[in-house]
Amino acid sequence: MEQLQFPELVDIETLARLLGVGERYVRRMVSERRVPIVKVGHYVRFDLADIRNWVEQQRRPDAS
């Protein structure tokens, strides 16, 4: 039988810690739809694979 692969989901507190920002800032990004989310019922969760891709897209090119 094939095993299902579920995404690794984290909550707001964990994402804030991983990004080195406050929970309030993460909540603001969610409300402004600036970060990818997964809704599980009324809970907001973040797929770490989506977050990694999102972080890469936020990189700025070198100034040189």
PDB file of N, CA and C in Angstrom:
ATOM      1  N   MET A   1       0.842  -1.191   0.000  1.00  0.00           N
ATOM      2  CA  MET A   1       0.000   0.000   0.000  1.00  0.00           C
ATOM      3  C   MET A   1       0.882   1.248   0.000  1.00  0.00           C
ATOM      4  N   GLU A   2       0.524   2.208  -0.829  1.00  0.00           N
ATOM      5  CA  GLU A   2       1.297   3.438  -0.950  1.00  0.00           C
ATOM      6  C   GLU A   2       1.052   4.347   0.253  1.00  0.00           C
ATOM      7  N   GLN A   3       2.123   4.893   0.804  1.00  0.00           N
ATOM      8  CA  GLN A   3       2.009   5.801   1.946  1.00  0.00           C
ATOM      9  C   GLN A   3       1.769   7.214   1.459  1.00  0.00           C
ATOM     10  N   LEU A   4       0.852   7.900   2.116  1.00  0.00           N
ATOM     11  CA  LEU A   4       0.583   9.297   1.781  1.00  0.00           C
ATOM     12  C   LEU A   4       1.660  10.181   2.377  1.00  0.00           C
ATOM     13  N   GLN A   5       2.064  11.188   1.625  1.00  0.00           N
ATOM     14  CA  GLN A   5       3.048  12.147   2.105  1.00  0.00           C
ATOM     15  C   GLN A   5       2.335  13.449   2.446  1.00  0.00           C
ATOM     16  N   PHE A   6       2.313  13.794   3.710  1.00  0.00           N
ATOM     17  CA  PHE A   6       1.696  15.041   4.141  1.00  0.00           C
ATOM     18  C   PHE A   6       2.756  16.131   4.223  1.00  0.00           C
ATOM     19  N   PRO A   7       2.364  17.363   3.914  1.00  0.00           N
ATOM     20  CA  PRO A   7       3.327  18.459   4.049  1.00  0.00           C
ATOM     21  C   PRO A   7       3.641  18.698   5.520  1.00  0.00           C
ATOM     22  N   GLU A   8       4.823  19.229   5.774  1.00  0.00           N
ATOM     23  CA  GLU A   8       5.196  19.580   7.140  1.00  0.00           C
ATOM     24  C   GLU A   8       4.606  20.955   7.439  1.00  0.00           C
ATOM     25  N   LEU A   9       3.606  20.987   8.291  1.00  0.00           N
ATOM     26  CA  LEU A   9       2.908  22.227   8.613  1.00  0.00           C
ATOM     27  C   LEU A   9       3.353  22.754   9.958  1.00  0.00           C
ATOM     28  N   VAL A  10       3.512  24.077  10.047  1.00  0.00           N
ATOM     29  CA  VAL A  10       3.878  24.719  11.314  1.00  0.00           C
ATOM     30  C   VAL A  10       2.885  25.842  11.601  1.00  0.00           C
ATOM     31  N   ASP A  11       2.834  26.243  12.854  1.00  0.00           N
ATOM     32  CA  ASP A  11       1.917  27.312  13.264  1.00  0.00           C
ATOM     33  C   ASP A  11       2.620  28.670  13.221  1.00  0.00           C
ATOM     34  N   ILE A  12       1.874  29.700  13.568  1.00  0.00           N
ATOM     35  CA  ILE A  12       2.396  31.076  13.515  1.00  0.00           C
ATOM     36  C   ILE A  12       3.599  31.251  14.429  1.00  0.00           C
ATOM     37  N   GLU A  13       3.510  30.726  15.628  1.00  0.00           N
ATOM     38  CA  GLU A  13       4.614  30.866  16.589  1.00  0.00           C
ATOM     39  C   GLU A  13       5.895  30.253  16.045  1.00  0.00           C
ATOM     40  N   THR A  14       5.793  29.062  15.469  1.00  0.00           N
ATOM     41  CA  THR A  14       6.974  28.385  14.939  1.00  0.00           C
ATOM     42  C   THR A  14       7.548  29.130  13.742  1.00  0.00           C
ATOM     43  N   LEU A  15       6.672  29.584  12.847  1.00  0.00           N
ATOM     44  CA  LEU A  15       7.161  30.333  11.680  1.00  0.00           C
ATOM     45  C   LEU A  15       7.857  31.622  12.107  1.00  0.00           C
ATOM     46  N   ALA A  16       7.286  32.317  13.065  1.00  0.00           N
ATOM     47  CA  ALA A  16       7.907  33.552  13.549  1.00  0.00           C
ATOM     48  C   ALA A  16       9.311  33.263  14.087  1.00  0.00           C
ATOM     49  N   ARG A  17       9.448  32.189  14.832  1.00  0.00           N
ATOM     50  CA  ARG A  17      10.754  31.819  15.382  1.00  0.00           C
ATOM     51  C   ARG A  17      11.730  31.471  14.258  1.00  0.00           C
ATOM     52  N   LEU A  18      11.261  30.710  13.254  1.00  0.00           N
ATOM     53  CA  LEU A  18      12.139  30.330  12.137  1.00  0.00           C
ATOM     54  C   LEU A  18      12.609  31.540  11.335  1.00  0.00           C
ATOM     55  N   LEU A  19      11.716  32.517  11.154  1.00  0.00           N
ATOM     56  CA  LEU A  19      12.064  33.704  10.370  1.00  0.00           C
ATOM     57  C   LEU A  19      12.765  34.781  11.205  1.00  0.00           C
ATOM     58  N   GLY A  20      12.747  34.622  12.511  1.00  0.00           N
ATOM     59  CA  GLY A  20      13.382  35.621  13.371  1.00  0.00           C
ATOM     60  C   GLY A  20      12.588  36.905  13.469  1.00  0.00           C
ATOM     61  N   VAL A  21      11.272  36.787  13.403  1.00  0.00           N
ATOM     62  CA  VAL A  21      10.382  37.946  13.506  1.00  0.00           C
ATOM     63  C   VAL A  21       9.332  37.663  14.576  1.00  0.00           C
ATOM     64  N   GLY A  22       8.538  38.675  14.897  1.00  0.00           N
ATOM     65  CA  GLY A  22       7.505  38.510  15.901  1.00  0.00           C
ATOM     66  C   GLY A  22       6.241  37.867  15.326  1.00  0.00           C
ATOM     67  N   GLU A  23       5.466  37.265  16.206  1.00  0.00           N
ATOM     68  CA  GLU A  23       4.200  36.654  15.790  1.00  0.00           C
ATOM     69  C   GLU A  23       3.267  37.699  15.184  1.00  0.00           C
ATOM     70  N   ARG A  24       3.287  38.895  15.741  1.00  0.00           N
ATOM     71  CA  ARG A  24       2.425  39.966  15.232  1.00  0.00           C
ATOM     72  C   ARG A  24       2.745  40.282  13.768  1.00  0.00           C
ATOM     73  N   TYR A  25       4.023  40.278  13.426  1.00  0.00           N
ATOM     74  CA  TYR A  25       4.435  40.538  12.047  1.00  0.00           C
ATOM     75  C   TYR A  25       3.934  39.431  11.120  1.00  0.00           C
ATOM     76  N   VAL A  26       4.044  38.166  11.551  1.00  0.00           N
ATOM     77  CA  VAL A  26       3.553  37.052  10.740  1.00  0.00           C
ATOM     78  C   VAL A  26       2.043  37.183  10.542  1.00  0.00           C
ATOM     79  N   ARG A  27       1.315  37.521  11.608  1.00  0.00           N
ATOM     80  CA  ARG A  27      -0.140  37.695  11.492  1.00  0.00           C
ATOM     81  C   ARG A  27      -0.481  38.807  10.495  1.00  0.00           C
ATOM     82  N   ARG A  28       0.303  39.863  10.497  1.00  0.00           N
ATOM     83  CA  ARG A  28       0.067  40.957   9.553  1.00  0.00           C
ATOM     84  C   ARG A  28       0.309  40.491   8.119  1.00  0.00           C
ATOM     85  N   MET A  29       1.392  39.729   7.897  1.00  0.00           N
ATOM     86  CA  MET A  29       1.661  39.203   6.559  1.00  0.00           C
ATOM     87  C   MET A  29       0.527  38.285   6.087  1.00  0.00           C
ATOM     88  N   VAL A  30      -0.034  37.506   7.005  1.00  0.00           N
ATOM     89  CA  VAL A  30      -1.159  36.635   6.666  1.00  0.00           C
ATOM     90  C   VAL A  30      -2.365  37.481   6.268  1.00  0.00           C
ATOM     91  N   SER A  31      -2.680  38.494   7.070  1.00  0.00           N
ATOM     92  CA  SER A  31      -3.859  39.309   6.779  1.00  0.00           C
ATOM     93  C   SER A  31      -3.702  40.095   5.477  1.00  0.00           C
ATOM     94  N   GLU A  32      -2.466  40.426   5.122  1.00  0.00           N
ATOM     95  CA  GLU A  32      -2.193  41.137   3.871  1.00  0.00           C
ATOM     96  C   GLU A  32      -1.962  40.173   2.707  1.00  0.00           C
ATOM     97  N   ARG A  33      -2.091  38.875   2.967  1.00  0.00           N
ATOM     98  CA  ARG A  33      -1.908  37.816   1.957  1.00  0.00           C
ATOM     99  C   ARG A  33      -0.537  37.890   1.283  1.00  0.00           C
ATOM    100  N   ARG A  34       0.479  38.163   2.091  1.00  0.00           N
ATOM    101  CA  ARG A  34       1.840  38.278   1.569  1.00  0.00           C
ATOM    102  C   ARG A  34       2.649  36.998   1.738  1.00  0.00           C
ATOM    103  N   VAL A  35       2.088  36.009   2.431  1.00  0.00           N
ATOM    104  CA  VAL A  35       2.790  34.761   2.705  1.00  0.00           C
ATOM    105  C   VAL A  35       1.822  33.608   2.431  1.00  0.00           C
ATOM    106  N   PRO A  36       2.317  32.496   1.848  1.00  0.00           N
ATOM    107  CA  PRO A  36       1.422  31.372   1.552  1.00  0.00           C
ATOM    108  C   PRO A  36       0.971  30.658   2.832  1.00  0.00           C
ATOM    109  N   ILE A  37      -0.324  30.360   2.916  1.00  0.00           N
ATOM    110  CA  ILE A  37      -0.874  29.686   4.094  1.00  0.00           C
ATOM    111  C   ILE A  37      -1.659  28.454   3.673  1.00  0.00           C
ATOM    112  N   VAL A  38      -1.921  27.604   4.661  1.00  0.00           N
ATOM    113  CA  VAL A  38      -2.812  26.459   4.519  1.00  0.00           C
ATOM    114  C   VAL A  38      -3.838  26.590   5.628  1.00  0.00           C
ATOM    115  N   LYS A  39      -5.113  26.532   5.261  1.00  0.00           N
ATOM    116  CA  LYS A  39      -6.167  26.586   6.274  1.00  0.00           C
ATOM    117  C   LYS A  39      -6.548  25.158   6.639  1.00  0.00           C
ATOM    118  N   VAL A  40      -6.534  24.861   7.927  1.00  0.00           N
ATOM    119  CA  VAL A  40      -6.986  23.579   8.458  1.00  0.00           C
ATOM    120  C   VAL A  40      -8.129  23.922   9.402  1.00  0.00           C
ATOM    121  N   GLY A  41      -9.350  23.826   8.893  1.00  0.00           N
ATOM    122  CA  GLY A  41     -10.486  24.325   9.658  1.00  0.00           C
ATOM    123  C   GLY A  41     -10.346  25.829   9.768  1.00  0.00           C
ATOM    124  N   HIS A  42     -10.375  26.333  10.989  1.00  0.00           N
ATOM    125  CA  HIS A  42     -10.170  27.771  11.176  1.00  0.00           C
ATOM    126  C   HIS A  42      -8.737  28.105  11.595  1.00  0.00           C
ATOM    127  N   TYR A  43      -7.873  27.091  11.586  1.00  0.00           N
ATOM    128  CA  TYR A  43      -6.474  27.296  11.950  1.00  0.00           C
ATOM    129  C   TYR A  43      -5.650  27.686  10.724  1.00  0.00           C
ATOM    130  N   VAL A  44      -4.677  28.571  10.931  1.00  0.00           N
ATOM    131  CA  VAL A  44      -3.740  28.953   9.875  1.00  0.00           C
ATOM    132  C   VAL A  44      -2.448  28.194  10.109  1.00  0.00           C
ATOM    133  N   ARG A  45      -2.010  27.496   9.078  1.00  0.00           N
ATOM    134  CA  ARG A  45      -0.753  26.756   9.140  1.00  0.00           C
ATOM    135  C   ARG A  45       0.070  27.107   7.921  1.00  0.00           C
ATOM    136  N   PHE A  46       1.355  26.784   7.970  1.00  0.00           N
ATOM    137  CA  PHE A  46       2.283  27.106   6.899  1.00  0.00           C
ATOM    138  C   PHE A  46       3.004  25.838   6.485  1.00  0.00           C
ATOM    139  N   ASP A  47       3.007  25.554   5.180  1.00  0.00           N
ATOM    140  CA  ASP A  47       3.741  24.415   4.631  1.00  0.00           C
ATOM    141  C   ASP A  47       5.199  24.861   4.488  1.00  0.00           C
ATOM    142  N   LEU A  48       6.107  24.157   5.150  1.00  0.00           N
ATOM    143  CA  LEU A  48       7.505  24.584   5.145  1.00  0.00           C
ATOM    144  C   LEU A  48       8.106  24.595   3.739  1.00  0.00           C
ATOM    145  N   ALA A  49       7.667  23.711   2.860  1.00  0.00           N
ATOM    146  CA  ALA A  49       8.169  23.728   1.478  1.00  0.00           C
ATOM    147  C   ALA A  49       7.739  25.019   0.782  1.00  0.00           C
ATOM    148  N   ASP A  50       6.479  25.423   0.983  1.00  0.00           N
ATOM    149  CA  ASP A  50       5.999  26.685   0.399  1.00  0.00           C
ATOM    150  C   ASP A  50       6.753  27.874   0.978  1.00  0.00           C
ATOM    151  N   ILE A  51       7.022  27.834   2.272  1.00  0.00           N
ATOM    152  CA  ILE A  51       7.730  28.936   2.930  1.00  0.00           C
ATOM    153  C   ILE A  51       9.159  29.036   2.405  1.00  0.00           C
ATOM    154  N   ARG A  52       9.826  27.892   2.217  1.00  0.00           N
ATOM    155  CA  ARG A  52      11.190  27.922   1.661  1.00  0.00           C
ATOM    156  C   ARG A  52      11.190  28.582   0.285  1.00  0.00           C
ATOM    157  N   ASN A  53      10.243  28.196  -0.562  1.00  0.00           N
ATOM    158  CA  ASN A  53      10.139  28.809  -1.898  1.00  0.00           C
ATOM    159  C   ASN A  53       9.847  30.301  -1.800  1.00  0.00           C
ATOM    160  N   TRP A  54       8.955  30.668  -0.900  1.00  0.00           N
ATOM    161  CA  TRP A  54       8.592  32.074  -0.702  1.00  0.00           C
ATOM    162  C   TRP A  54       9.816  32.882  -0.258  1.00  0.00           C
ATOM    163  N   VAL A  55      10.593  32.326   0.672  1.00  0.00           N
ATOM    164  CA  VAL A  55      11.800  33.018   1.147  1.00  0.00           C
ATOM    165  C   VAL A  55      12.774  33.223  -0.012  1.00  0.00           C
ATOM    166  N   GLU A  56      12.951  32.214  -0.849  1.00  0.00           N
ATOM    167  CA  GLU A  56      13.853  32.351  -2.002  1.00  0.00           C
ATOM    168  C   GLU A  56      13.378  33.455  -2.935  1.00  0.00           C
ATOM    169  N   GLN A  57      12.069  33.594  -3.113  1.00  0.00           N
ATOM    170  CA  GLN A  57      11.527  34.644  -3.980  1.00  0.00           C
ATOM    171  C   GLN A  57      11.726  36.031  -3.388  1.00  0.00           C
ATOM    172  N   GLN A  58      11.904  36.123  -2.077  1.00  0.00           N
ATOM    173  CA  GLN A  58      12.076  37.414  -1.419  1.00  0.00           C
ATOM    174  C   GLN A  58      13.515  37.918  -1.491  1.00  0.00           C
ATOM    175  N   ARG A  59      14.436  37.073  -1.918  1.00  0.00           N
ATOM    176  CA  ARG A  59      15.851  37.475  -1.990  1.00  0.00           C
ATOM    177  C   ARG A  59      16.036  38.617  -2.972  1.00  0.00           C
ATOM    178  N   ARG A  60      16.896  39.524  -2.628  1.00  0.00           N
ATOM    179  CA  ARG A  60      17.254  40.655  -3.497  1.00  0.00           C
ATOM    180  C   ARG A  60      18.579  40.337  -4.165  1.00  0.00           C
ATOM    181  N   PRO A  61      18.743  40.728  -5.427  1.00  0.00           N
ATOM    182  CA  PRO A  61      20.050  40.509  -6.077  1.00  0.00           C
ATOM    183  C   PRO A  61      21.127  41.363  -5.418  1.00  0.00           C
ATOM    184  N   ASP A  62      22.351  40.908  -5.543  1.00  0.00           N
ATOM    185  CA  ASP A  62      23.487  41.670  -4.998  1.00  0.00           C
ATOM    186  C   ASP A  62      23.568  43.041  -5.665  1.00  0.00           C
ATOM    187  N   ALA A  63      24.023  44.017  -4.910  1.00  0.00           N
ATOM    188  CA  ALA A  63      24.126  45.387  -5.422  1.00  0.00           C
ATOM    189  C   ALA A  63      25.321  45.551  -6.371  1.00  0.00           C
ATOM    190  N   SER A  64      26.269  44.619  -6.321  1.00  0.00           N
ATOM    191  CA  SER A  64      27.480  44.778  -7.146  1.00  0.00           C
ATOM    192  C   SER A  64      27.311  44.358  -8.560  1.00  0.00           C
TER     193      SER A  64
END
